[in-house]
């Protein structure tokens, strides 16, 4: 793991870059300053740029949203590959493989929570409205009665703050936020229904949280995403089928678009971007201005960045990621630009 000042110090080592969105190009509210300018410079150097995101949108929808923010296909990147697109293509073009992953001859799906369900368009799967008719459940963007649930405002039954990395191992029935709202309990109730009915769940976004907005505020906060729901369901004893980073399938899917092995993954999350790159055998560049900041803020201020990063990799990442994963990046940058 080596700290760098600029992506251009190492750019000549690679023919292509896989680039994450949240925490690298987008902070949850706005595009990161100069990030897309950096992509353009890399492309002008002849580098292949593949945006590789755990968003559940299909690729065309993701491209459209990025274009509205000024990030253009051809100018800033070559292709935009999402976990939603990977799931969609697997269901549509390889249904036998998909059924094998589910572990049953599935025909029907029920979608819980909100979100874009275009991943099932033009596939053999039929969407149903109740649990009993569904072969499995698809986890959309986790929202409950009052909207998004924050990961940085969680208290236990005694009113003590619960660290993000300890939320999954907690009893969600005993958690609340500083306003007394019990969002995690609502999630737990939904998951217990799934477990009682012995339904496997499918999620296309393994991220534990992402930065966004909550409570009608423009202030950026960490909010619960699908990976957190999946982790808790596994804790309850439920079966979870996961698409997206850090799993090899999406990296192999993305590699078809670059025709080179000289690739580096640029991301901000050790338990998805970095561990996934390590698992597939490519280098990685970790951006420390993304999710890491949520954890650095709670560490002693006298620690240097590299000391905080080592704590994140050694003590926190194992709680957030898959068992026996390697979370250490090849290079470290504060920002992409």
C-alpha atoms as a PDB file:
ATOM      1  CA  UNK A   1       0.000   0.000   0.000  1.00  0.00           C
ATOM      2  CA  UNK A   2       1.630   3.223  -1.177  1.00  0.00           C
ATOM      3  CA  UNK A   3       0.313   6.764  -0.797  1.00  0.00           C
ATOM      4  CA  UNK A   4       0.264   8.857  -3.984  1.00  0.00           C
ATOM      5  CA  UNK A   5      -0.367  12.549  -4.571  1.00  0.00           C
ATOM      6  CA  UNK A   6      -1.953  12.164  -8.005  1.00  0.00           C
ATOM      7  CA  UNK A   7      -3.525   9.464 -10.157  1.00  0.00           C
ATOM      8  CA  UNK A   8      -1.224  10.626 -12.948  1.00  0.00           C
ATOM      9  CA  UNK A   9       1.811   9.403 -10.984  1.00  0.00           C
ATOM     10  CA  UNK A  10       0.683   5.829 -11.658  1.00  0.00           C
ATOM     11  CA  UNK A  11      -1.445   6.182 -14.805  1.00  0.00           C
ATOM     12  CA  UNK A  12       1.283   4.850 -17.109  1.00  0.00           C
ATOM     13  CA  UNK A  13       1.130   1.495 -15.333  1.00  0.00           C
ATOM     14  CA  UNK A  14      -2.373   0.793 -16.672  1.00  0.00           C
ATOM     15  CA  UNK A  15      -4.330   0.632 -19.915  1.00  0.00           C
ATOM     16  CA  UNK A  16      -7.725   0.838 -18.219  1.00  0.00           C
ATOM     17  CA  UNK A  17      -9.393   1.988 -15.026  1.00  0.00           C
ATOM     18  CA  UNK A  18     -12.573   0.776 -13.371  1.00  0.00           C
ATOM     19  CA  UNK A  19     -13.955   3.807 -11.515  1.00  0.00           C
ATOM     20  CA  UNK A  20     -16.516   3.831  -8.704  1.00  0.00           C
ATOM     21  CA  UNK A  21     -19.107   6.620  -8.540  1.00  0.00           C
ATOM     22  CA  UNK A  22     -20.124   7.347  -4.941  1.00  0.00           C
ATOM     23  CA  UNK A  23     -17.167   8.672  -2.949  1.00  0.00           C
ATOM     24  CA  UNK A  24     -14.968   9.017  -6.034  1.00  0.00           C
ATOM     25  CA  UNK A  25     -16.920  11.027  -8.620  1.00  0.00           C
ATOM     26  CA  UNK A  26     -20.032  11.945  -6.624  1.00  0.00           C
ATOM     27  CA  UNK A  27     -20.250  12.807  -2.921  1.00  0.00           C
ATOM     28  CA  UNK A  28     -23.949  11.950  -2.540  1.00  0.00           C
ATOM     29  CA  UNK A  29     -25.099  15.501  -3.320  1.00  0.00           C
ATOM     30  CA  UNK A  30     -22.712  16.957  -5.934  1.00  0.00           C
ATOM     31  CA  UNK A  31     -20.027  15.810  -8.342  1.00  0.00           C
ATOM     32  CA  UNK A  32     -16.617  15.895  -6.671  1.00  0.00           C
ATOM     33  CA  UNK A  33     -14.628  18.947  -7.766  1.00  0.00           C
ATOM     34  CA  UNK A  34     -12.518  18.335 -10.884  1.00  0.00           C
ATOM     35  CA  UNK A  35     -13.283  14.590 -10.846  1.00  0.00           C
ATOM     36  CA  UNK A  36     -14.707  14.437 -14.355  1.00  0.00           C
ATOM     37  CA  UNK A  37     -11.894  16.672 -15.618  1.00  0.00           C
ATOM     38  CA  UNK A  38      -9.499  13.995 -14.376  1.00  0.00           C
ATOM     39  CA  UNK A  39     -11.458  11.322 -16.251  1.00  0.00           C
ATOM     40  CA  UNK A  40     -11.224  13.386 -19.410  1.00  0.00           C
ATOM     41  CA  UNK A  41      -7.456  13.785 -19.020  1.00  0.00           C
ATOM     42  CA  UNK A  42      -7.054  10.033 -18.497  1.00  0.00           C
ATOM     43  CA  UNK A  43      -9.100   9.339 -21.618  1.00  0.00           C
ATOM     44  CA  UNK A  44      -6.993  11.820 -23.583  1.00  0.00           C
ATOM     45  CA  UNK A  45      -3.964   9.799 -22.484  1.00  0.00           C
ATOM     46  CA  UNK A  46      -5.543   6.795 -24.203  1.00  0.00           C
ATOM     47  CA  UNK A  47      -6.818   5.095 -21.060  1.00  0.00           C
ATOM     48  CA  UNK A  48     -10.017   3.074 -21.179  1.00  0.00           C
ATOM     49  CA  UNK A  49     -12.423   4.305 -18.488  1.00  0.00           C
ATOM     50  CA  UNK A  50     -15.181   1.997 -17.255  1.00  0.00           C
ATOM     51  CA  UNK A  51     -17.524   3.384 -14.618  1.00  0.00           C
ATOM     52  CA  UNK A  52     -18.223   0.417 -12.339  1.00  0.00           C
ATOM     53  CA  UNK A  53     -20.990   1.097  -9.860  1.00  0.00           C
ATOM     54  CA  UNK A  54     -23.121  -0.843  -7.399  1.00  0.00           C
ATOM     55  CA  UNK A  55     -26.179   1.176  -8.332  1.00  0.00           C
ATOM     56  CA  UNK A  56     -29.240  -0.972  -9.045  1.00  0.00           C
ATOM     57  CA  UNK A  57     -30.128   1.130 -12.085  1.00  0.00           C
ATOM     58  CA  UNK A  58     -29.635  -0.454 -15.472  1.00  0.00           C
ATOM     59  CA  UNK A  59     -26.768   1.128 -17.389  1.00  0.00           C
ATOM     60  CA  UNK A  60     -28.839   3.324 -19.722  1.00  0.00           C
ATOM     61  CA  UNK A  61     -30.632   4.939 -16.765  1.00  0.00           C
ATOM     62  CA  UNK A  62     -27.310   5.503 -14.995  1.00  0.00           C
ATOM     63  CA  UNK A  63     -25.813   7.085 -18.114  1.00  0.00           C
ATOM     64  CA  UNK A  64     -28.792   9.398 -18.426  1.00  0.00           C
ATOM     65  CA  UNK A  65     -28.470  10.553 -14.810  1.00  0.00           C
ATOM     66  CA  UNK A  66     -24.733  11.130 -15.198  1.00  0.00           C
ATOM     67  CA  UNK A  67     -25.275  13.134 -18.371  1.00  0.00           C
ATOM     68  CA  UNK A  68     -27.546  15.496 -16.443  1.00  0.00           C
ATOM     69  CA  UNK A  69     -24.618  16.138 -14.097  1.00  0.00           C
ATOM     70  CA  UNK A  70     -22.259  16.831 -17.002  1.00  0.00           C
ATOM     71  CA  UNK A  71     -20.502  13.476 -17.240  1.00  0.00           C
ATOM     72  CA  UNK A  72     -20.657  12.360 -20.865  1.00  0.00           C
ATOM     73  CA  UNK A  73     -20.111   8.966 -22.453  1.00  0.00           C
ATOM     74  CA  UNK A  74     -17.226   9.158 -24.924  1.00  0.00           C
ATOM     75  CA  UNK A  75     -15.815  12.330 -23.383  1.00  0.00           C
ATOM     76  CA  UNK A  76     -15.351  11.227 -19.774  1.00  0.00           C
ATOM     77  CA  UNK A  77     -15.808   7.459 -19.904  1.00  0.00           C
ATOM     78  CA  UNK A  78     -16.137   4.564 -22.347  1.00  0.00           C
ATOM     79  CA  UNK A  79     -18.830   2.498 -20.663  1.00  0.00           C
ATOM     80  CA  UNK A  80     -21.001   2.589 -17.552  1.00  0.00           C
ATOM     81  CA  UNK A  81     -21.484  -0.829 -15.982  1.00  0.00           C
ATOM     82  CA  UNK A  82     -23.820  -1.166 -13.020  1.00  0.00           C
ATOM     83  CA  UNK A  83     -24.632  -4.088 -10.765  1.00  0.00           C
ATOM     84  CA  UNK A  84     -28.257  -3.616 -11.842  1.00  0.00           C
ATOM     85  CA  UNK A  85     -27.215  -4.089 -15.479  1.00  0.00           C
ATOM     86  CA  UNK A  86     -25.143  -7.152 -14.606  1.00  0.00           C
ATOM     87  CA  UNK A  87     -28.138  -8.667 -12.800  1.00  0.00           C
ATOM     88  CA  UNK A  88     -30.472  -7.781 -15.679  1.00  0.00           C
ATOM     89  CA  UNK A  89     -28.191  -9.338 -18.286  1.00  0.00           C
ATOM     90  CA  UNK A  90     -27.733 -12.480 -16.196  1.00  0.00           C
ATOM     91  CA  UNK A  91     -31.490 -13.002 -15.802  1.00  0.00           C
ATOM     92  CA  UNK A  92     -32.220 -12.186 -19.432  1.00  0.00           C
ATOM     93  CA  UNK A  93     -29.376 -14.009 -21.188  1.00  0.00           C
ATOM     94  CA  UNK A  94     -28.478 -16.789 -18.785  1.00  0.00           C
ATOM     95  CA  UNK A  95     -31.617 -17.830 -16.893  1.00  0.00           C
ATOM     96  CA  UNK A  96     -30.257 -21.281 -16.054  1.00  0.00           C
ATOM     97  CA  UNK A  97     -27.232 -19.718 -14.337  1.00  0.00           C
ATOM     98  CA  UNK A  98     -29.510 -17.306 -12.482  1.00  0.00           C
ATOM     99  CA  UNK A  99     -31.741 -20.139 -11.254  1.00  0.00           C
ATOM    100  CA  UNK A 100     -28.629 -22.004 -10.136  1.00  0.00           C
ATOM    101  CA  UNK A 101     -27.556 -18.986  -8.075  1.00  0.00           C
ATOM    102  CA  UNK A 102     -30.982 -18.750  -6.433  1.00  0.00           C
ATOM    103  CA  UNK A 103     -30.898 -22.495  -5.830  1.00  0.00           C
ATOM    104  CA  UNK A 104     -34.378 -23.168  -7.176  1.00  0.00           C
ATOM    105  CA  UNK A 105     -36.468 -23.187 -10.357  1.00  0.00           C
ATOM    106  CA  UNK A 106     -37.738 -19.642  -9.774  1.00  0.00           C
ATOM    107  CA  UNK A 107     -40.441 -17.884 -11.790  1.00  0.00           C
ATOM    108  CA  UNK A 108     -41.753 -15.087  -9.566  1.00  0.00           C
ATOM    109  CA  UNK A 109     -40.294 -12.212  -7.562  1.00  0.00           C
ATOM    110  CA  UNK A 110     -41.703  -9.796  -4.989  1.00  0.00           C
ATOM    111  CA  UNK A 111     -39.945  -6.441  -4.635  1.00  0.00           C
ATOM    112  CA  UNK A 112     -39.721  -4.945  -1.159  1.00  0.00           C
ATOM    113  CA  UNK A 113     -38.747  -1.398  -0.252  1.00  0.00           C
ATOM    114  CA  UNK A 114     -38.697   1.156  -3.044  1.00  0.00           C
ATOM    115  CA  UNK A 115     -36.500   1.563  -6.080  1.00  0.00           C
ATOM    116  CA  UNK A 116     -36.093   1.022  -9.782  1.00  0.00           C
ATOM    117  CA  UNK A 117     -37.174  -2.488 -10.776  1.00  0.00           C
ATOM    118  CA  UNK A 118     -36.136  -2.234 -14.423  1.00  0.00           C
ATOM    119  CA  UNK A 119     -33.701  -5.085 -13.821  1.00  0.00           C
ATOM    120  CA  UNK A 120     -36.664  -7.438 -14.346  1.00  0.00           C
ATOM    121  CA  UNK A 121     -37.948  -5.826 -17.564  1.00  0.00           C
ATOM    122  CA  UNK A 122     -38.048  -8.183 -20.575  1.00  0.00           C
ATOM    123  CA  UNK A 123     -37.017 -11.201 -18.497  1.00  0.00           C
ATOM    124  CA  UNK A 124     -38.788 -14.458 -17.717  1.00  0.00           C
ATOM    125  CA  UNK A 125     -39.533 -13.370 -14.140  1.00  0.00           C
ATOM    126  CA  UNK A 126     -43.024 -12.291 -13.131  1.00  0.00           C
ATOM    127  CA  UNK A 127     -43.418  -9.689 -10.384  1.00  0.00           C
ATOM    128  CA  UNK A 128     -46.037 -10.495  -7.716  1.00  0.00           C
ATOM    129  CA  UNK A 129     -47.509  -8.466  -4.863  1.00  0.00           C
ATOM    130  CA  UNK A 130     -47.440 -10.832  -1.913  1.00  0.00           C
ATOM    131  CA  UNK A 131     -44.874 -12.920  -0.108  1.00  0.00           C
ATOM    132  CA  UNK A 132     -46.555 -16.288  -0.515  1.00  0.00           C
ATOM    133  CA  UNK A 133     -46.657 -16.141  -4.320  1.00  0.00           C
ATOM    134  CA  UNK A 134     -42.987 -15.139  -4.612  1.00  0.00           C
ATOM    135  CA  UNK A 135     -40.127 -17.579  -5.135  1.00  0.00           C
ATOM    136  CA  UNK A 136     -37.696 -14.964  -3.826  1.00  0.00           C
ATOM    137  CA  UNK A 137     -37.640 -11.327  -2.721  1.00  0.00           C
ATOM    138  CA  UNK A 138     -35.747  -8.466  -4.360  1.00  0.00           C
ATOM    139  CA  UNK A 139     -34.396  -5.793  -2.018  1.00  0.00           C
ATOM    140  CA  UNK A 140     -34.843  -2.276  -3.369  1.00  0.00           C
ATOM    141  CA  UNK A 141     -33.546   0.948  -1.829  1.00  0.00           C
ATOM    142  CA  UNK A 142     -34.276   0.694   1.920  1.00  0.00           C
ATOM    143  CA  UNK A 143     -36.852   3.283   2.952  1.00  0.00           C
ATOM    144  CA  UNK A 144     -39.378   3.034   5.755  1.00  0.00           C
ATOM    145  CA  UNK A 145     -42.185   5.176   7.170  1.00  0.00           C
ATOM    146  CA  UNK A 146     -40.165   8.386   7.442  1.00  0.00           C
ATOM    147  CA  UNK A 147     -37.797   7.816   4.513  1.00  0.00           C
ATOM    148  CA  UNK A 148     -34.048   7.181   4.606  1.00  0.00           C
ATOM    149  CA  UNK A 149     -32.403   5.814   7.747  1.00  0.00           C
ATOM    150  CA  UNK A 150     -29.128   7.358   8.848  1.00  0.00           C
ATOM    151  CA  UNK A 151     -26.148   5.255   9.898  1.00  0.00           C
ATOM    152  CA  UNK A 152     -24.464   8.022  11.908  1.00  0.00           C
ATOM    153  CA  UNK A 153     -27.384   8.740  14.255  1.00  0.00           C
ATOM    154  CA  UNK A 154     -27.979   5.393  15.939  1.00  0.00           C
ATOM    155  CA  UNK A 155     -28.460   4.862  19.671  1.00  0.00           C
ATOM    156  CA  UNK A 156     -28.842   1.677  21.688  1.00  0.00           C
ATOM    157  CA  UNK A 157     -31.515   1.103  24.349  1.00  0.00           C
ATOM    158  CA  UNK A 158     -29.379   2.948  26.923  1.00  0.00           C
ATOM    159  CA  UNK A 159     -28.954   5.993  24.676  1.00  0.00           C
ATOM    160  CA  UNK A 160     -25.338   5.247  23.771  1.00  0.00           C
ATOM    161  CA  UNK A 161     -24.084   5.988  20.252  1.00  0.00           C
ATOM    162  CA  UNK A 162     -23.591   2.870  18.103  1.00  0.00           C
ATOM    163  CA  UNK A 163     -20.684   2.958  15.655  1.00  0.00           C
ATOM    164  CA  UNK A 164     -21.481   2.223  12.008  1.00  0.00           C
ATOM    165  CA  UNK A 165     -19.391  -0.957  11.994  1.00  0.00           C
ATOM    166  CA  UNK A 166     -21.314  -2.317  15.003  1.00  0.00           C
ATOM    167  CA  UNK A 167     -24.843  -1.728  13.689  1.00  0.00           C
ATOM    168  CA  UNK A 168     -25.107  -5.025  11.804  1.00  0.00           C
ATOM    169  CA  UNK A 169     -24.177  -7.053  14.895  1.00  0.00           C
ATOM    170  CA  UNK A 170     -26.706  -5.188  17.071  1.00  0.00           C
ATOM    171  CA  UNK A 171     -30.324  -6.156  17.811  1.00  0.00           C
ATOM    172  CA  UNK A 172     -32.236  -3.844  15.477  1.00  0.00           C
ATOM    173  CA  UNK A 173     -35.319  -3.945  17.704  1.00  0.00           C
ATOM    174  CA  UNK A 174     -33.332  -2.026  20.321  1.00  0.00           C
ATOM    175  CA  UNK A 175     -31.975   0.730  18.089  1.00  0.00           C
ATOM    176  CA  UNK A 176     -33.356   4.218  17.587  1.00  0.00           C
ATOM    177  CA  UNK A 177     -32.169   7.602  16.375  1.00  0.00           C
ATOM    178  CA  UNK A 178     -31.797  10.803  18.393  1.00  0.00           C
ATOM    179  CA  UNK A 179     -35.416  11.682  17.598  1.00  0.00           C
ATOM    180  CA  UNK A 180     -36.690   8.371  18.980  1.00  0.00           C
ATOM    181  CA  UNK A 181     -37.489   6.919  15.549  1.00  0.00           C
ATOM    182  CA  UNK A 182     -37.022   3.171  15.152  1.00  0.00           C
ATOM    183  CA  UNK A 183     -36.161   2.696  11.496  1.00  0.00           C
ATOM    184  CA  UNK A 184     -33.975  -0.353  12.061  1.00  0.00           C
ATOM    185  CA  UNK A 185     -36.829  -2.034  13.909  1.00  0.00           C
ATOM    186  CA  UNK A 186     -39.033  -1.521  10.842  1.00  0.00           C
ATOM    187  CA  UNK A 187     -36.348  -3.148   8.692  1.00  0.00           C
ATOM    188  CA  UNK A 188     -36.084  -6.046  11.135  1.00  0.00           C
ATOM    189  CA  UNK A 189     -39.851  -6.611  11.044  1.00  0.00           C
ATOM    190  CA  UNK A 190     -39.818  -6.876   7.235  1.00  0.00           C
ATOM    191  CA  UNK A 191     -36.890  -9.280   7.295  1.00  0.00           C
ATOM    192  CA  UNK A 192     -38.505 -11.470   9.937  1.00  0.00           C
ATOM    193  CA  UNK A 193     -41.518 -11.897   7.650  1.00  0.00           C
ATOM    194  CA  UNK A 194     -39.141 -13.004   4.883  1.00  0.00           C
ATOM    195  CA  UNK A 195     -37.408 -15.428   7.231  1.00  0.00           C
ATOM    196  CA  UNK A 196     -40.665 -16.879   8.551  1.00  0.00           C
ATOM    197  CA  UNK A 197     -41.730 -17.621   4.990  1.00  0.00           C
ATOM    198  CA  UNK A 198     -38.270 -19.064   4.199  1.00  0.00           C
ATOM    199  CA  UNK A 199     -37.712 -16.719   1.257  1.00  0.00           C
ATOM    200  CA  UNK A 200     -34.243 -16.069  -0.138  1.00  0.00           C
ATOM    201  CA  UNK A 201     -33.553 -12.414  -0.846  1.00  0.00           C
ATOM    202  CA  UNK A 202     -31.691 -10.953  -3.805  1.00  0.00           C
ATOM    203  CA  UNK A 203     -29.809  -7.666  -3.680  1.00  0.00           C
ATOM    204  CA  UNK A 204     -27.970  -5.945  -6.504  1.00  0.00           C
ATOM    205  CA  UNK A 205     -26.198  -3.438  -4.258  1.00  0.00           C
ATOM    206  CA  UNK A 206     -23.910  -4.950  -1.596  1.00  0.00           C
ATOM    207  CA  UNK A 207     -22.933  -1.519  -0.208  1.00  0.00           C
ATOM    208  CA  UNK A 208     -23.634  -1.186   3.528  1.00  0.00           C
ATOM    209  CA  UNK A 209     -24.288   2.547   3.255  1.00  0.00           C
ATOM    210  CA  UNK A 210     -23.901   5.431   0.847  1.00  0.00           C
ATOM    211  CA  UNK A 211     -23.774   9.169   1.275  1.00  0.00           C
ATOM    212  CA  UNK A 212     -26.986  10.988   0.484  1.00  0.00           C
ATOM    213  CA  UNK A 213     -29.562  13.261   2.064  1.00  0.00           C
ATOM    214  CA  UNK A 214     -32.204  12.618   4.711  1.00  0.00           C
ATOM    215  CA  UNK A 215     -34.926  14.523   6.591  1.00  0.00           C
ATOM    216  CA  UNK A 216     -35.462  17.017   3.740  1.00  0.00           C
ATOM    217  CA  UNK A 217     -31.962  18.386   4.233  1.00  0.00           C
ATOM    218  CA  UNK A 218     -29.223  18.995   1.667  1.00  0.00           C
ATOM    219  CA  UNK A 219     -26.640  17.998   4.264  1.00  0.00           C
ATOM    220  CA  UNK A 220     -24.694  14.898   3.251  1.00  0.00           C
ATOM    221  CA  UNK A 221     -25.088  11.941   5.626  1.00  0.00           C
ATOM    222  CA  UNK A 222     -24.498   8.164   5.487  1.00  0.00           C
ATOM    223  CA  UNK A 223     -27.748   6.312   4.850  1.00  0.00           C
ATOM    224  CA  UNK A 224     -28.628   2.612   4.911  1.00  0.00           C
ATOM    225  CA  UNK A 225     -28.385   0.786   1.589  1.00  0.00           C
ATOM    226  CA  UNK A 226     -29.169  -2.749   0.481  1.00  0.00           C
ATOM    227  CA  UNK A 227     -25.981  -4.426   1.682  1.00  0.00           C
ATOM    228  CA  UNK A 228     -26.819  -3.565   5.281  1.00  0.00           C
ATOM    229  CA  UNK A 229     -30.209  -5.271   4.896  1.00  0.00           C
ATOM    230  CA  UNK A 230     -28.551  -8.332   3.383  1.00  0.00           C
ATOM    231  CA  UNK A 231     -25.961  -8.576   6.158  1.00  0.00           C
ATOM    232  CA  UNK A 232     -28.644  -8.488   8.834  1.00  0.00           C
ATOM    233  CA  UNK A 233     -30.738 -11.105   7.030  1.00  0.00           C
ATOM    234  CA  UNK A 234     -27.719 -13.389   6.965  1.00  0.00           C
ATOM    235  CA  UNK A 235     -27.322 -12.798  10.703  1.00  0.00           C
ATOM    236  CA  UNK A 236     -30.930 -13.928  11.178  1.00  0.00           C
ATOM    237  CA  UNK A 237     -30.144 -17.090   9.221  1.00  0.00           C
ATOM    238  CA  UNK A 238     -31.667 -16.107   5.878  1.00  0.00           C
ATOM    239  CA  UNK A 239     -30.246 -16.812   2.438  1.00  0.00           C
ATOM    240  CA  UNK A 240     -28.913 -13.822   0.482  1.00  0.00           C
ATOM    241  CA  UNK A 241     -27.922 -13.794  -3.200  1.00  0.00           C
ATOM    242  CA  UNK A 242     -25.680 -10.818  -4.012  1.00  0.00           C
ATOM    243  CA  UNK A 243     -24.712  -9.137  -7.277  1.00  0.00           C
ATOM    244  CA  UNK A 244     -22.181  -6.349  -7.686  1.00  0.00           C
ATOM    245  CA  UNK A 245     -18.845  -5.468  -6.121  1.00  0.00           C
ATOM    246  CA  UNK A 246     -16.983  -7.147  -4.382  1.00  0.00           C
ATOM    247  CA  UNK A 247     -18.068 -10.330  -6.163  1.00  0.00           C
ATOM    248  CA  UNK A 248     -16.066 -11.650  -9.092  1.00  0.00           C
ATOM    249  CA  UNK A 249     -18.941 -11.821 -11.547  1.00  0.00           C
ATOM    250  CA  UNK A 250     -19.297  -8.081 -12.088  1.00  0.00           C
ATOM    251  CA  UNK A 251     -15.531  -7.617 -12.472  1.00  0.00           C
ATOM    252  CA  UNK A 252     -15.391 -10.404 -15.054  1.00  0.00           C
ATOM    253  CA  UNK A 253     -18.374  -8.803 -16.798  1.00  0.00           C
ATOM    254  CA  UNK A 254     -16.543  -5.432 -16.842  1.00  0.00           C
ATOM    255  CA  UNK A 255     -13.259  -6.922 -18.067  1.00  0.00           C
ATOM    256  CA  UNK A 256     -14.962  -7.904 -21.326  1.00  0.00           C
ATOM    257  CA  UNK A 257     -15.195  -4.190 -22.154  1.00  0.00           C
ATOM    258  CA  UNK A 258     -11.470  -3.401 -21.899  1.00  0.00           C
ATOM    259  CA  UNK A 259      -9.515  -6.260 -23.548  1.00  0.00           C
ATOM    260  CA  UNK A 260      -6.488  -5.810 -21.287  1.00  0.00           C
ATOM    261  CA  UNK A 261      -5.217  -7.154 -17.989  1.00  0.00           C
ATOM    262  CA  UNK A 262      -3.453  -3.893 -17.069  1.00  0.00           C
ATOM    263  CA  UNK A 263      -6.399  -2.587 -15.039  1.00  0.00           C
ATOM    264  CA  UNK A 264      -6.748  -0.743 -11.734  1.00  0.00           C
ATOM    265  CA  UNK A 265      -9.943  -0.299  -9.734  1.00  0.00           C
ATOM    266  CA  UNK A 266     -10.420   3.207  -8.287  1.00  0.00           C
ATOM    267  CA  UNK A 267     -12.828   3.218  -5.349  1.00  0.00           C
ATOM    268  CA  UNK A 268     -13.388   4.483  -1.836  1.00  0.00           C
ATOM    269  CA  UNK A 269     -14.733   1.363  -0.114  1.00  0.00           C
ATOM    270  CA  UNK A 270     -12.360  -1.345   1.160  1.00  0.00           C
ATOM    271  CA  UNK A 271     -15.081  -3.994   1.519  1.00  0.00           C
ATOM    272  CA  UNK A 272     -16.433  -3.643  -2.039  1.00  0.00           C
ATOM    273  CA  UNK A 273     -14.052  -1.836  -4.427  1.00  0.00           C
ATOM    274  CA  UNK A 274     -10.737  -2.906  -2.939  1.00  0.00           C
ATOM    275  CA  UNK A 275     -11.534  -6.445  -1.796  1.00  0.00           C
ATOM    276  CA  UNK A 276     -13.236  -7.094  -5.151  1.00  0.00           C
ATOM    277  CA  UNK A 277     -10.186  -5.940  -7.080  1.00  0.00           C
ATOM    278  CA  UNK A 278      -7.936  -8.102  -4.925  1.00  0.00           C
ATOM    279  CA  UNK A 279     -10.189 -11.117  -5.459  1.00  0.00           C
ATOM    280  CA  UNK A 280     -10.057 -10.768  -9.251  1.00  0.00           C
ATOM    281  CA  UNK A 281      -6.291 -10.133  -9.268  1.00  0.00           C
ATOM    282  CA  UNK A 282      -6.120  -6.493 -10.377  1.00  0.00           C
ATOM    283  CA  UNK A 283      -4.545  -3.483  -8.661  1.00  0.00           C
ATOM    284  CA  UNK A 284      -6.594  -0.964  -6.718  1.00  0.00           C
ATOM    285  CA  UNK A 285      -6.504   2.709  -5.795  1.00  0.00           C
ATOM    286  CA  UNK A 286      -8.361   3.726  -2.652  1.00  0.00           C
ATOM    287  CA  UNK A 287      -9.759   7.252  -2.370  1.00  0.00           C
ATOM    288  CA  UNK A 288      -9.794   8.319   1.299  1.00  0.00           C
ATOM    289  CA  UNK A 289     -12.185  11.271   0.960  1.00  0.00           C
ATOM    290  CA  UNK A 290     -15.249   8.987   0.595  1.00  0.00           C
ATOM    291  CA  UNK A 291     -16.674   6.483   3.093  1.00  0.00           C
ATOM    292  CA  UNK A 292     -13.426   6.478   5.077  1.00  0.00           C
ATOM    293  CA  UNK A 293     -14.242   9.936   6.413  1.00  0.00           C
ATOM    294  CA  UNK A 294     -17.194   8.559   8.394  1.00  0.00           C
ATOM    295  CA  UNK A 295     -14.776   6.379  10.351  1.00  0.00           C
ATOM    296  CA  UNK A 296     -11.788   8.729  10.477  1.00  0.00           C
ATOM    297  CA  UNK A 297     -13.958  11.336  12.225  1.00  0.00           C
ATOM    298  CA  UNK A 298     -14.410   9.031  15.237  1.00  0.00           C
ATOM    299  CA  UNK A 299     -10.698   8.216  15.574  1.00  0.00           C
ATOM    300  CA  UNK A 300      -8.254  10.131  17.804  1.00  0.00           C
ATOM    301  CA  UNK A 301      -7.247  13.374  16.116  1.00  0.00           C
ATOM    302  CA  UNK A 302      -3.531  12.837  16.835  1.00  0.00           C
ATOM    303  CA  UNK A 303      -3.396   9.830  14.502  1.00  0.00           C
ATOM    304  CA  UNK A 304      -1.895  10.328  11.052  1.00  0.00           C
ATOM    305  CA  UNK A 305      -4.004   9.432   8.004  1.00  0.00           C
ATOM    306  CA  UNK A 306      -2.026   6.243   7.341  1.00  0.00           C
ATOM    307  CA  UNK A 307      -2.630   5.130  10.954  1.00  0.00           C
ATOM    308  CA  UNK A 308      -6.354   5.768  10.634  1.00  0.00           C
ATOM    309  CA  UNK A 309      -6.411   3.929   7.343  1.00  0.00           C
ATOM    310  CA  UNK A 310      -4.744   0.891   8.898  1.00  0.00           C
ATOM    311  CA  UNK A 311      -7.418   0.807  11.617  1.00  0.00           C
ATOM    312  CA  UNK A 312     -10.082   1.014   8.916  1.00  0.00           C
ATOM    313  CA  UNK A 313      -8.536  -1.880   7.004  1.00  0.00           C
ATOM    314  CA  UNK A 314      -7.619  -4.123   9.944  1.00  0.00           C
ATOM    315  CA  UNK A 315     -10.421  -3.610  12.470  1.00  0.00           C
ATOM    316  CA  UNK A 316     -13.433  -2.072  10.753  1.00  0.00           C
ATOM    317  CA  UNK A 317     -13.456  -3.587   7.265  1.00  0.00           C
ATOM    318  CA  UNK A 318     -13.738  -7.210   8.497  1.00  0.00           C
ATOM    319  CA  UNK A 319     -17.000  -6.238  10.213  1.00  0.00           C
ATOM    320  CA  UNK A 320     -18.344  -4.656   7.021  1.00  0.00           C
ATOM    321  CA  UNK A 321     -17.107  -7.034   4.326  1.00  0.00           C
ATOM    322  CA  UNK A 322     -17.085 -10.669   3.329  1.00  0.00           C
ATOM    323  CA  UNK A 323     -15.186 -13.174   5.449  1.00  0.00           C
ATOM    324  CA  UNK A 324     -11.514 -13.781   4.626  1.00  0.00           C
ATOM    325  CA  UNK A 325     -11.320 -10.814   2.234  1.00  0.00           C
ATOM    326  CA  UNK A 326      -8.186  -8.795   1.518  1.00  0.00           C
ATOM    327  CA  UNK A 327      -8.999  -5.105   2.051  1.00  0.00           C
ATOM    328  CA  UNK A 328      -5.568  -3.577   1.429  1.00  0.00           C
ATOM    329  CA  UNK A 329      -5.269  -1.334  -1.673  1.00  0.00           C
ATOM    330  CA  UNK A 330      -2.274  -1.140  -3.964  1.00  0.00           C
ATOM    331  CA  UNK A 331      -2.249   2.673  -3.844  1.00  0.00           C
ATOM    332  CA  UNK A 332      -3.932   5.360  -1.729  1.00  0.00           C
ATOM    333  CA  UNK A 333      -5.089   8.809  -2.856  1.00  0.00           C
ATOM    334  CA  UNK A 334      -6.963  11.492  -0.959  1.00  0.00           C
ATOM    335  CA  UNK A 335      -9.027  12.399  -4.048  1.00  0.00           C
ATOM    336  CA  UNK A 336      -9.248  11.328  -7.665  1.00  0.00           C
ATOM    337  CA  UNK A 337      -8.546  14.833  -8.985  1.00  0.00           C
END
